[in-house]
Amino acid sequence: MAKTVRRAPAKPAKPTPAKPPPTPLVEWLAAGVGLFLVVATILLIASEAFMADPSPPQVEVRALEIRSSGPGFLVVVEARNVGGSPAAGVLVEGELKRGDAPPETAEASFDFIPDHSARRGGLFFETDPRQGRLSLRAKGYAEP
């Protein structure tokens, strides 16, 4: 007896998927720029965290300009924090000495001076600071 072999019906051939088009150059460039920015940001944050200057605030005060202001004079000052920590409530004093007359003083307060930055303010005097010896100094600060 002869054996009959039954064969399953032939499956239709699956169409082979088309090869996707190559990634455009612009897309590669955008990805490269994005990767660079992410790595640079991480490195910047890490360097600030591990290499930050822990020194206390160091406020230097200098006169920028002297001008007439109403019945007196205004001395525009710059308070620069060259230290590694911020300072809050910085009190700046200006003292004007003229001959034998008692010194005239003026004060200004700066709410906040971040580390390695500067803020400007003004001191008012009744007499012209150009006619005497003006000394400026920071008197104190608070930790923010």
Protein backbone atom coordinates (compact mmCIF):
# COMPACT_ATOMS: atom_id res chain seq x y z
CA MET A 1 0.00 0.00 0.00
CA ALA A 2 1.17 3.23 -0.90
CA LYS A 3 1.23 5.91 1.65
CA THR A 4 -0.20 9.23 0.82
CA VAL A 5 1.45 12.16 2.42
CA ARG A 6 -0.65 15.13 3.01
CA ARG A 7 1.04 18.38 2.89
CA ALA A 8 -0.18 21.51 4.53
CA PRO A 9 -1.19 24.20 2.14
CA ALA A 10 1.69 26.52 1.37
CA LYS A 11 1.69 29.70 3.40
CA PRO A 12 1.79 32.84 1.42
CA ALA A 13 5.25 34.36 1.52
CA LYS A 14 5.57 37.22 4.02
CA PRO A 15 6.67 40.38 2.43
CA THR A 16 10.14 41.26 3.70
CA PRO A 17 10.05 44.52 5.59
CA ALA A 18 11.67 47.36 3.76
CA LYS A 19 14.93 48.58 5.24
CA PRO A 20 14.33 51.85 7.12
CA PRO A 21 15.92 54.90 5.55
CA PRO A 22 19.22 56.03 7.09
CA THR A 23 19.04 58.59 9.92
CA PRO A 24 19.45 62.09 8.53
CA LEU A 25 22.64 63.99 9.35
CA VAL A 26 20.68 66.81 10.99
CA GLU A 27 19.22 64.33 13.48
CA TRP A 28 22.70 63.06 14.37
CA LEU A 29 23.94 66.62 14.83
CA ALA A 30 20.99 67.50 17.10
CA ALA A 31 21.61 64.39 19.17
CA GLY A 32 25.31 65.26 19.47
CA VAL A 33 24.57 68.82 20.59
CA GLY A 34 22.04 67.53 23.14
CA LEU A 35 24.54 65.01 24.50
CA PHE A 36 27.21 67.69 24.76
CA LEU A 37 24.87 70.02 26.69
CA VAL A 38 23.83 67.29 29.13
CA VAL A 39 27.43 66.25 29.83
CA ALA A 40 28.56 69.88 30.20
CA THR A 41 25.74 70.61 32.66
CA ILE A 42 26.59 67.57 34.77
CA LEU A 43 30.28 68.52 34.82
CA LEU A 44 29.47 72.11 35.79
CA ILE A 45 27.24 71.03 38.66
CA ALA A 46 29.81 68.51 39.86
CA SER A 47 32.64 71.06 39.76
CA GLU A 48 30.56 73.57 41.74
CA ALA A 49 29.69 70.91 44.31
CA PHE A 50 33.18 69.54 44.81
CA MET A 51 35.42 72.53 44.11
CA ALA A 52 33.41 75.37 45.63
CA ASP A 53 35.33 77.98 47.58
CA PRO A 54 34.21 77.58 51.22
CA SER A 55 35.83 80.83 52.36
CA PRO A 56 33.70 83.34 54.31
CA PRO A 57 32.35 86.50 52.68
CA GLN A 58 34.94 89.21 52.07
CA VAL A 59 33.30 92.51 51.17
CA GLU A 60 35.35 95.27 49.56
CA VAL A 61 33.80 98.73 49.23
CA ARG A 62 34.83 101.47 46.79
CA ALA A 63 33.42 104.81 45.69
CA LEU A 64 32.34 104.94 42.07
CA GLU A 65 31.04 108.48 41.79
CA ILE A 66 30.33 111.63 43.80
CA ARG A 67 27.51 113.92 42.73
CA SER A 68 25.41 116.74 44.11
CA SER A 69 22.06 115.53 45.42
CA GLY A 70 19.55 118.07 46.71
CA PRO A 71 20.94 119.83 49.78
CA GLY A 72 23.88 117.41 50.07
CA PHE A 73 26.06 115.00 48.18
CA LEU A 74 25.65 111.40 47.07
CA VAL A 75 28.54 108.95 46.99
CA VAL A 76 27.68 105.96 44.78
CA VAL A 77 29.44 102.91 46.20
CA GLU A 78 30.03 99.37 45.04
CA ALA A 79 30.20 96.55 47.58
CA ARG A 80 31.97 93.55 46.03
CA ASN A 81 31.99 90.16 47.74
CA VAL A 82 35.22 88.44 46.70
CA GLY A 83 34.76 85.62 49.23
CA GLY A 84 33.39 82.16 48.58
CA SER A 85 30.14 82.51 50.55
CA PRO A 86 27.19 84.89 50.20
CA ALA A 87 26.54 87.68 52.69
CA ALA A 88 23.19 89.06 53.83
CA GLY A 89 22.42 92.32 55.59
CA VAL A 90 25.79 93.87 54.74
CA LEU A 91 26.25 97.20 56.49
CA VAL A 92 28.54 99.68 54.73
CA GLU A 93 29.82 102.80 56.46
CA GLY A 94 31.35 105.91 54.96
CA GLU A 95 33.30 108.35 57.13
CA LEU A 96 34.21 111.82 55.90
CA LYS A 97 36.97 113.67 57.77
CA ARG A 98 37.64 117.37 57.15
CA GLY A 99 40.37 119.06 59.16
CA ASP A 100 39.53 119.47 62.85
CA ALA A 101 35.77 119.14 62.31
CA PRO A 102 34.10 116.04 63.74
CA PRO A 103 33.79 113.27 61.15
CA GLU A 104 30.54 112.90 59.25
CA THR A 105 29.27 109.35 58.78
CA ALA A 106 26.71 107.68 56.54
CA GLU A 107 25.55 104.08 56.30
CA ALA A 108 23.90 101.88 53.70
CA SER A 109 22.61 98.34 54.02
CA PHE A 110 22.73 95.71 51.27
CA ASP A 111 20.17 92.94 51.66
CA PHE A 112 22.18 90.26 49.87
CA ILE A 113 25.51 90.03 48.06
CA PRO A 114 26.19 86.62 46.45
CA ASP A 115 29.72 85.26 46.42
CA HIS A 116 31.92 86.65 43.66
CA SER A 117 29.50 89.45 42.77
CA ALA A 118 28.81 93.12 43.49
CA ARG A 119 25.93 95.42 44.39
CA ARG A 120 25.67 99.21 44.20
CA GLY A 121 24.20 101.69 46.62
CA GLY A 122 24.65 105.23 47.84
CA LEU A 123 25.74 107.22 50.89
CA PHE A 124 24.44 110.73 51.57
CA PHE A 125 26.65 113.44 53.10
CA GLU A 126 25.92 117.06 53.97
CA THR A 127 29.37 118.28 52.94
CA ASP A 128 31.25 117.63 49.72
CA PRO A 129 33.32 114.41 50.08
CA ARG A 130 35.84 115.78 47.58
CA GLN A 131 36.83 118.42 50.16
CA GLY A 132 37.91 115.90 52.78
CA ARG A 133 39.15 112.36 53.28
CA LEU A 134 36.49 109.71 52.65
CA SER A 135 36.95 106.20 54.00
CA LEU A 136 34.61 103.33 53.23
CA ARG A 137 34.29 99.94 54.91
CA ALA A 138 31.94 97.06 55.43
CA LYS A 139 30.96 96.84 59.08
CA GLY A 140 29.28 93.44 59.19
CA TYR A 141 27.05 90.83 57.59
CA ALA A 142 24.76 87.95 58.44
CA GLU A 143 24.76 84.43 57.02
CA PRO A 144 21.80 83.94 54.68
